[in-house]
Structure formats: structure tokens, C-alpha cells
Amino acid sequence: MLPLESSISPTLKTQGFRKKARTWWRDREETIQVLNIQKNPWGSGGLYINLGVYIRELGQDSSPAAHKCHVQVRLETVATEEAWNEIVSAVADKEPSAALLQAVLSDGVAWLNRVSTVEGIRCYLNDGGTKNGIVFAAVREHVGL
């Protein structure tokens, strides 16, 4: 288990997330929230923290992978500017800094909460959210845009 994984698991569990491997899911009425830690595939030891929301009415998956979420971002695009360097310089086998933990558990979870409903996704898109990540084409129609 990665140090970041070990550090955030207890808090996420108390907040209602369930975990398998490096992915956490939390069920909401209209969506499933997804938080995923991805090791850099090029062997640099770096990490990506992926956040996503899967809209229940647009699919049948009960534990979707982050890349299958209808709305997706990386943590550094939604975290505070002060946390950006800590996030992009995170290393898989190093203990996470307090700033990185704060970014995941506060900024990341806050973003997931913001877009956990169809209305929240609509507001996110109206506020220019597509500049920060990926939004599947079907989402716009589903939320009435």
C-alpha cells in the first residue's frame, strides 16, 4: 500500500467511501463519487490523484474506474493554488505532506460533493468546469445544457 493510500483511507472510510486497490467509491443518490490514486506509468515514481463522478442514469457500473466517470478531473485542477506544487510533486513511496493530505481530503472531496448531483454538475459546467477536465458528451444533454 502506498503511503498516501494509507494516510487517506481511514478518513475516507469514515466519510462513507469504500475501497478496492487504489480506488475509493461513495454512493450518492444520483451519482457515484470516485477517487483514484494512479502511479505515473513512466516509472518516475510520481502520482496522479484522479477524481470523477459517474452518473447513475447514464450507466450500470456500481464501481466505475475513474476513466469511465462521466465527469473527471485531476486533483491539481480543483485544489487551492497553494497546494498545486505539493500535488504535482507527490512521490509514490514518500510520506505525503500535510498540504497534500489537506488537498485530497478537503479540496478533492469538496469537488466531489459539488458535482454529486445533476444540478451540481449543471452548475459546474455553467461555471466553465470543462476547462479543468473531461466531461462526456452525454452529460450536457442529461443535465439540460
Protein backbone atom coordinates (compact mmCIF):
# COMPACT_ATOMS: atom_id res chain seq x y z
CA MET A 1 0.00 0.00 0.00
CA LEU A 2 1.28 3.45 -0.90
CA PRO A 3 1.90 5.92 1.96
CA LEU A 4 -0.72 8.34 0.60
CA GLU A 5 -3.21 5.49 0.36
CA SER A 6 -2.59 4.51 3.99
CA SER A 7 -2.90 8.11 5.12
CA ILE A 8 -6.24 8.92 3.50
CA SER A 9 -8.03 5.57 3.84
CA PRO A 10 -9.25 5.95 7.45
CA THR A 11 -10.75 9.40 6.82
CA LEU A 12 -12.37 8.39 3.56
CA LYS A 13 -13.83 5.30 5.21
CA THR A 14 -15.43 7.39 7.98
CA GLN A 15 -16.90 9.60 5.25
CA GLY A 16 -18.63 6.62 3.66
CA PHE A 17 -16.19 5.66 0.92
CA ARG A 18 -15.49 2.01 0.12
CA LYS A 19 -12.12 0.94 -1.28
CA LYS A 20 -10.57 -1.61 -3.58
CA ALA A 21 -6.93 -1.38 -4.64
CA ARG A 22 -6.19 2.35 -5.11
CA THR A 23 -9.76 3.45 -5.80
CA TRP A 24 -12.46 4.69 -3.43
CA TRP A 25 -16.17 5.00 -4.25
CA ARG A 26 -19.00 6.71 -2.45
CA ASP A 27 -22.59 6.18 -3.50
CA ARG A 28 -24.88 9.16 -3.82
CA GLU A 29 -28.49 9.22 -4.95
CA GLU A 30 -27.75 10.42 -8.50
CA THR A 31 -24.04 9.65 -8.81
CA ILE A 32 -21.10 7.60 -7.66
CA GLN A 33 -18.09 9.60 -6.50
CA VAL A 34 -14.67 8.18 -7.40
CA LEU A 35 -11.22 9.00 -6.02
CA ASN A 36 -8.25 7.14 -7.50
CA ILE A 37 -4.50 7.20 -6.94
CA GLN A 38 -2.55 6.38 -10.08
CA LYS A 39 1.18 5.79 -10.16
CA ASN A 40 2.94 7.52 -13.02
CA PRO A 41 3.06 4.91 -15.81
CA TRP A 42 6.52 6.07 -16.95
CA GLY A 43 8.26 4.91 -13.78
CA SER A 44 9.17 8.31 -12.35
CA GLY A 45 7.58 7.45 -9.00
CA GLY A 46 5.09 10.27 -9.33
CA LEU A 47 1.39 10.11 -8.57
CA TYR A 48 -1.82 11.36 -10.07
CA ILE A 49 -4.94 11.81 -7.97
CA ASN A 50 -7.97 11.32 -10.22
CA LEU A 51 -11.45 12.43 -9.24
CA GLY A 52 -14.63 11.50 -11.05
CA VAL A 53 -18.38 11.39 -10.89
CA TYR A 54 -20.35 8.63 -12.55
CA ILE A 55 -23.98 9.48 -13.30
CA ARG A 56 -26.18 6.52 -12.40
CA GLU A 57 -28.75 7.19 -15.14
CA LEU A 58 -26.03 7.07 -17.81
CA GLY A 59 -24.62 3.66 -16.90
CA GLN A 60 -24.92 0.48 -14.89
CA ASP A 61 -21.49 0.25 -13.25
CA SER A 62 -21.56 0.14 -9.43
CA SER A 63 -17.77 0.55 -9.06
CA PRO A 64 -16.63 2.53 -12.10
CA ALA A 65 -12.99 3.15 -12.87
CA ALA A 66 -12.00 6.81 -12.74
CA HIS A 67 -11.53 6.95 -16.51
CA LYS A 68 -15.12 5.75 -17.02
CA CYS A 69 -16.61 8.56 -14.95
CA HIS A 70 -18.81 10.98 -16.87
CA VAL A 71 -17.09 13.97 -15.26
CA GLN A 72 -13.35 13.72 -14.50
CA VAL A 73 -10.57 15.94 -13.18
CA ARG A 74 -7.14 15.62 -11.67
CA LEU A 75 -6.82 16.96 -8.14
CA GLU A 76 -4.39 19.74 -9.06
CA THR A 77 -7.03 21.37 -11.28
CA VAL A 78 -9.53 21.80 -8.42
CA ALA A 79 -7.27 22.24 -5.39
CA THR A 80 -6.12 25.54 -3.98
CA GLU A 81 -3.26 27.23 -5.78
CA GLU A 82 -1.08 26.83 -2.68
CA ALA A 83 -1.41 23.03 -2.87
CA TRP A 84 -0.55 22.73 -6.57
CA ASN A 85 3.19 22.12 -6.12
CA GLU A 86 2.62 19.52 -3.40
CA ILE A 87 0.19 17.64 -5.62
CA VAL A 88 2.24 17.60 -8.82
CA SER A 89 5.45 16.71 -6.98
CA ALA A 90 3.94 13.85 -4.92
CA VAL A 91 6.02 10.67 -4.97
CA ALA A 92 4.52 7.20 -4.60
CA ASP A 93 6.88 5.83 -1.94
CA LYS A 94 7.20 9.01 0.18
CA GLU A 95 5.07 10.02 3.13
CA PRO A 96 2.57 12.64 1.95
CA SER A 97 2.93 16.18 3.17
CA ALA A 98 0.23 17.79 5.28
CA ALA A 99 -0.59 20.04 2.31
CA LEU A 100 -1.12 17.03 0.04
CA LEU A 101 -3.37 15.32 2.59
CA GLN A 102 -5.34 18.54 3.00
CA ALA A 103 -5.72 18.86 -0.77
CA VAL A 104 -7.05 15.31 -1.15
CA LEU A 105 -9.31 15.24 1.90
CA SER A 106 -10.60 18.80 1.67
CA ASP A 107 -10.31 20.15 -1.87
CA GLY A 108 -10.79 16.79 -3.61
CA VAL A 109 -13.75 15.69 -1.51
CA ALA A 110 -15.27 19.18 -1.74
CA TRP A 111 -15.14 18.99 -5.54
CA LEU A 112 -16.76 15.53 -5.48
CA ASN A 113 -19.51 16.91 -3.25
CA ARG A 114 -20.01 19.91 -5.53
CA VAL A 115 -20.72 17.69 -8.54
CA SER A 116 -22.55 14.86 -6.78
CA THR A 117 -25.96 15.82 -8.20
CA VAL A 118 -27.25 16.61 -11.68
CA GLU A 119 -27.85 20.20 -10.53
CA GLY A 120 -24.28 20.40 -9.19
CA ILE A 121 -22.89 19.14 -12.49
CA ARG A 122 -25.01 21.68 -14.39
CA CYS A 123 -23.64 24.50 -12.23
CA TYR A 124 -20.09 23.19 -12.62
CA LEU A 125 -20.43 23.17 -16.42
CA ASN A 126 -22.04 26.62 -16.45
CA ASP A 127 -19.09 27.90 -14.39
CA GLY A 128 -16.62 26.67 -17.04
CA GLY A 129 -15.78 23.31 -15.47
CA THR A 130 -14.90 21.75 -18.80
CA LYS A 131 -11.63 23.73 -18.77
CA ASN A 132 -10.46 21.63 -15.82
CA GLY A 133 -11.07 18.10 -17.01
CA ILE A 134 -13.14 15.74 -19.11
CA VAL A 135 -16.91 15.73 -19.45
CA PHE A 136 -18.55 13.04 -21.57
CA ALA A 137 -20.77 14.39 -24.37
CA ALA A 138 -23.89 12.69 -22.97
CA VAL A 139 -23.60 14.71 -19.78
CA ARG A 140 -24.56 18.03 -21.35
CA GLU A 141 -27.82 16.64 -22.69
CA HIS A 142 -28.52 14.78 -19.46
CA VAL A 143 -28.18 17.95 -17.35
CA GLY A 144 -30.16 20.06 -19.80
CA LEU A 145 -27.43 22.10 -21.46
